[in-house]
Amino acid sequence: KLLLFAHSTATPAALTLASRLGSRILKIYIIDGFAPEPGGVDHWAAANINFRGRTDADWILALHCWNPGSSVLKEMAEAVRSGTWDASKSAGAQSVLEHGRRMYLNAIHPDLERDCKIIQAPILAFSMTRDEVVPVAVLRNLGAWTTGLFDVICVDAAHTGWLLPTADAKVTTRRYAVFDSIRDDIQRHLQEWSCEQIRQHEQ
């Protein structure tokens, strides 16, 4: 039995794997992921085409948006906006771009009819509301891909900000909202999942 975890562009891989493994998947946790509506426009393929058509300047601005905590990307984005800097002539910029855009260009976009099926596993999705790289309304499309429970937790953080502790008004402190929520969810369901495995072995 497996639990799956995906962030952003890893969502297609998680749903594809869940489609193949069926009941072996206990639950999927997805952060700022998006999915097309079943039978609708393939936004995954469209995003891949969009990624491949971006210029160096487009990539620098996008990477800074998705990683607002990076001082290097902030400086690069400011230089791009000034219009006085050509990133194609900077070895440092090309090195950053080579690594920064690799996972986006290599991300899979499965065939919706062949690779993705409606799954049984429940999905707990997290929406990063500070920058809305993936608006919560788009994230909610994930619910159409499961017959199981689907819940959304909104977190006051940027697209990659879930890696850092965020403020918690309930306890006037900071905590790792996503990791803590996943831990608590696993603890709530652990006995249920264990009993299910025992029943299957007995059968």
Protein backbone atom coordinates (compact mmCIF):
# COMPACT_ATOMS: atom_id res chain seq x y z
CA LYS A 1 0.00 0.00 0.00
CA LEU A 2 1.25 3.47 -0.88
CA LEU A 3 0.68 7.12 -0.06
CA LEU A 4 1.48 9.55 -2.89
CA PHE A 5 2.72 13.13 -2.52
CA ALA A 6 2.92 15.63 -5.37
CA HIS A 7 3.61 19.32 -5.81
CA SER A 8 2.58 21.36 -8.83
CA THR A 9 3.79 19.75 -12.08
CA ALA A 10 4.24 16.38 -10.35
CA THR A 11 0.44 16.06 -10.17
CA PRO A 12 0.06 14.30 -13.56
CA ALA A 13 2.60 11.68 -12.49
CA ALA A 14 0.73 11.05 -9.23
CA LEU A 15 -2.65 10.67 -10.92
CA THR A 16 -1.19 8.45 -13.63
CA LEU A 17 0.44 6.19 -11.04
CA ALA A 18 -2.78 6.04 -9.02
CA SER A 19 -4.69 5.09 -12.17
CA ARG A 20 -2.34 2.17 -12.74
CA LEU A 21 -2.08 0.92 -9.16
CA GLY A 22 -5.74 1.28 -8.21
CA SER A 23 -6.55 0.03 -4.71
CA ARG A 24 -2.85 -0.08 -3.76
CA ILE A 25 -2.98 3.71 -3.31
CA LEU A 26 -4.34 4.69 0.10
CA LYS A 27 -4.38 8.45 -0.42
CA ILE A 28 -2.84 11.25 -2.46
CA TYR A 29 -1.59 14.55 -1.03
CA ILE A 30 -1.28 17.28 -3.65
CA ILE A 31 0.11 20.80 -3.18
CA ASP A 32 -0.84 23.49 -5.68
CA GLY A 33 -1.52 20.92 -8.36
CA PHE A 34 -3.90 21.30 -11.25
CA ALA A 35 -5.72 18.94 -13.53
CA PRO A 36 -8.02 19.29 -16.52
CA GLU A 37 -11.62 18.24 -16.15
CA PRO A 38 -12.13 14.64 -17.28
CA GLY A 39 -12.89 14.76 -20.99
CA GLY A 40 -12.03 18.46 -21.15
CA VAL A 41 -9.15 20.50 -22.57
CA ASP A 42 -5.76 18.95 -21.80
CA HIS A 43 -4.19 21.77 -19.79
CA TRP A 44 -1.16 19.61 -18.98
CA ALA A 45 -0.18 19.33 -22.65
CA ALA A 46 -0.91 23.05 -23.16
CA ALA A 47 1.35 23.94 -20.23
CA ASN A 48 4.16 21.82 -21.67
CA ILE A 49 3.88 23.60 -25.03
CA ASN A 50 3.83 26.94 -23.23
CA PHE A 51 6.99 26.06 -21.29
CA ARG A 52 8.87 25.15 -24.46
CA GLY A 53 7.98 28.44 -26.14
CA ARG A 54 9.30 30.72 -23.37
CA THR A 55 12.31 32.98 -23.80
CA ASP A 56 15.12 33.31 -21.25
CA ALA A 57 13.50 36.50 -19.95
CA ASP A 58 10.12 34.77 -19.63
CA TRP A 59 11.72 31.95 -17.65
CA ILE A 60 13.54 34.27 -15.27
CA LEU A 61 10.34 36.16 -14.47
CA ALA A 62 8.39 32.92 -14.04
CA LEU A 63 11.02 31.25 -11.84
CA HIS A 64 11.14 34.33 -9.64
CA CYS A 65 7.34 34.29 -9.33
CA TRP A 66 7.36 30.62 -8.35
CA ASN A 67 10.35 31.04 -6.00
CA PRO A 68 9.89 34.48 -4.41
CA GLY A 69 12.32 33.70 -1.60
CA SER A 70 15.34 33.43 -3.95
CA SER A 71 17.47 36.57 -3.83
CA VAL A 72 19.35 35.48 -6.98
CA LEU A 73 16.15 35.14 -9.00
CA LYS A 74 14.89 38.43 -7.59
CA GLU A 75 17.99 40.25 -8.84
CA MET A 76 17.77 38.53 -12.21
CA ALA A 77 14.08 39.44 -12.55
CA GLU A 78 14.79 43.07 -11.70
CA ALA A 79 17.54 43.14 -14.34
CA VAL A 80 15.17 41.67 -16.94
CA ARG A 81 12.49 44.25 -16.13
CA SER A 82 15.03 47.06 -16.48
CA GLY A 83 15.49 46.10 -20.13
CA THR A 84 19.25 46.66 -19.99
CA TRP A 85 20.41 43.08 -19.47
CA ASP A 86 20.66 40.22 -21.96
CA ALA A 87 20.45 36.94 -20.04
CA SER A 88 21.59 34.96 -23.07
CA LYS A 89 25.07 36.50 -22.73
CA SER A 90 25.43 35.72 -19.02
CA ALA A 91 27.04 32.37 -18.17
CA GLY A 92 25.66 32.61 -14.64
CA ALA A 93 22.12 33.22 -15.88
CA GLN A 94 22.36 30.31 -18.32
CA SER A 95 23.50 28.00 -15.53
CA VAL A 96 20.55 29.02 -13.35
CA LEU A 97 18.15 28.59 -16.27
CA GLU A 98 19.56 25.20 -17.23
CA HIS A 99 18.73 23.78 -13.81
CA GLY A 100 15.71 25.94 -13.04
CA ARG A 101 13.63 25.03 -16.07
CA ARG A 102 14.72 21.40 -16.42
CA MET A 103 11.94 19.89 -14.32
CA TYR A 104 9.31 21.89 -16.19
CA LEU A 105 10.56 20.92 -19.63
CA ASN A 106 10.94 17.27 -18.62
CA ALA A 107 7.58 17.05 -16.83
CA ILE A 108 5.25 14.41 -18.24
CA HIS A 109 1.83 15.21 -19.59
CA PRO A 110 -0.03 11.89 -19.87
CA ASP A 111 -2.58 10.98 -22.47
CA LEU A 112 -5.85 11.73 -20.67
CA GLU A 113 -7.79 8.88 -22.28
CA ARG A 114 -5.04 6.28 -22.06
CA ASP A 115 -3.17 7.06 -18.84
CA CYS A 116 -5.60 8.78 -16.48
CA LYS A 117 -8.70 7.14 -15.05
CA ILE A 118 -11.09 8.15 -12.30
CA ILE A 119 -9.45 6.78 -9.14
CA GLN A 120 -10.79 5.47 -5.83
CA ALA A 121 -8.12 6.95 -3.59
CA PRO A 122 -9.12 10.07 -1.63
CA ILE A 123 -7.25 13.29 -2.31
CA LEU A 124 -6.23 15.95 0.18
CA ALA A 125 -5.18 19.07 -1.73
CA PHE A 126 -3.42 22.19 -0.46
CA SER A 127 -3.92 25.59 -2.06
CA MET A 128 -1.18 28.19 -1.65
CA THR A 129 -3.22 31.39 -1.60
CA ARG A 130 -0.56 34.10 -1.35
CA ASP A 131 0.39 34.19 -5.04
CA GLU A 132 -2.20 31.87 -6.57
CA VAL A 133 0.11 30.33 -9.15
CA VAL A 134 -2.63 27.70 -9.16
CA PRO A 135 -5.92 29.42 -8.20
CA VAL A 136 -8.02 27.44 -5.73
CA ALA A 137 -10.86 27.20 -8.27
CA VAL A 138 -8.49 25.42 -10.67
CA LEU A 139 -7.11 23.20 -7.93
CA ARG A 140 -10.66 22.04 -7.14
CA ASN A 141 -10.79 20.33 -10.56
CA LEU A 142 -8.79 17.56 -8.90
CA GLY A 143 -11.95 16.47 -7.12
CA ALA A 144 -13.42 15.26 -10.42
CA TRP A 145 -10.68 12.61 -10.67
CA THR A 146 -11.63 10.63 -7.56
CA THR A 147 -14.69 8.82 -6.31
CA GLY A 148 -13.20 9.03 -2.83
CA LEU A 149 -13.18 11.95 -0.44
CA PHE A 150 -11.74 15.22 -1.69
CA ASP A 151 -10.75 18.01 0.66
CA VAL A 152 -8.93 21.32 0.20
CA ILE A 153 -6.85 23.12 2.81
CA CYS A 154 -5.88 26.73 2.07
CA VAL A 155 -2.46 27.86 3.30
CA ASP A 156 -1.29 31.48 3.47
CA ALA A 157 1.94 30.85 1.57
CA ALA A 158 3.44 31.20 -1.91
CA HIS A 159 3.68 28.38 -4.47
CA THR A 160 6.88 27.05 -2.89
CA GLY A 161 6.34 28.70 0.49
CA TRP A 162 4.93 25.51 2.04
CA LEU A 163 8.54 24.44 2.56
CA LEU A 164 8.87 27.19 5.18
CA PRO A 165 6.97 27.63 8.45
CA THR A 166 3.88 29.83 8.21
CA ALA A 167 1.95 31.78 10.82
CA ASP A 168 -0.81 29.97 12.68
CA ALA A 169 -3.33 32.38 14.18
CA LYS A 170 -4.79 29.68 16.42
CA VAL A 171 -1.61 29.27 18.45
CA THR A 172 0.15 32.59 17.67
CA THR A 173 3.21 30.77 16.41
CA ARG A 174 4.64 29.42 13.18
CA ARG A 175 4.39 25.85 11.94
CA TYR A 176 4.89 23.75 8.83
CA ALA A 177 1.21 23.82 7.86
CA VAL A 178 1.37 21.28 5.02
CA PHE A 179 3.65 18.77 6.73
CA ASP A 180 1.73 19.04 10.00
CA SER A 181 -1.61 18.55 8.24
CA ILE A 182 -0.36 15.47 6.38
CA ARG A 183 1.09 14.03 9.59
CA ASP A 184 -2.20 14.58 11.43
CA ASP A 185 -4.20 13.09 8.56
CA ILE A 186 -2.02 9.96 8.45
CA GLN A 187 -2.36 9.53 12.20
CA ARG A 188 -6.16 9.77 11.95
CA HIS A 189 -6.36 7.10 9.26
CA LEU A 190 -3.50 4.81 10.28
CA GLN A 191 -5.62 2.39 12.29
CA GLU A 192 -8.27 2.29 9.55
CA TRP A 193 -5.64 1.51 6.90
CA SER A 194 -3.99 -1.14 9.10
CA CYS A 195 -7.31 -2.89 9.74
CA GLU A 196 -8.07 -2.86 6.02
CA GLN A 197 -4.75 -4.55 5.25
CA ILE A 198 -5.42 -7.21 7.91
CA ARG A 199 -8.85 -7.95 6.40
CA GLN A 200 -7.35 -8.29 2.93
CA HIS A 201 -4.69 -10.71 4.18
CA GLU A 202 -7.33 -12.81 5.94
CA GLN A 203 -9.31 -13.07 2.71
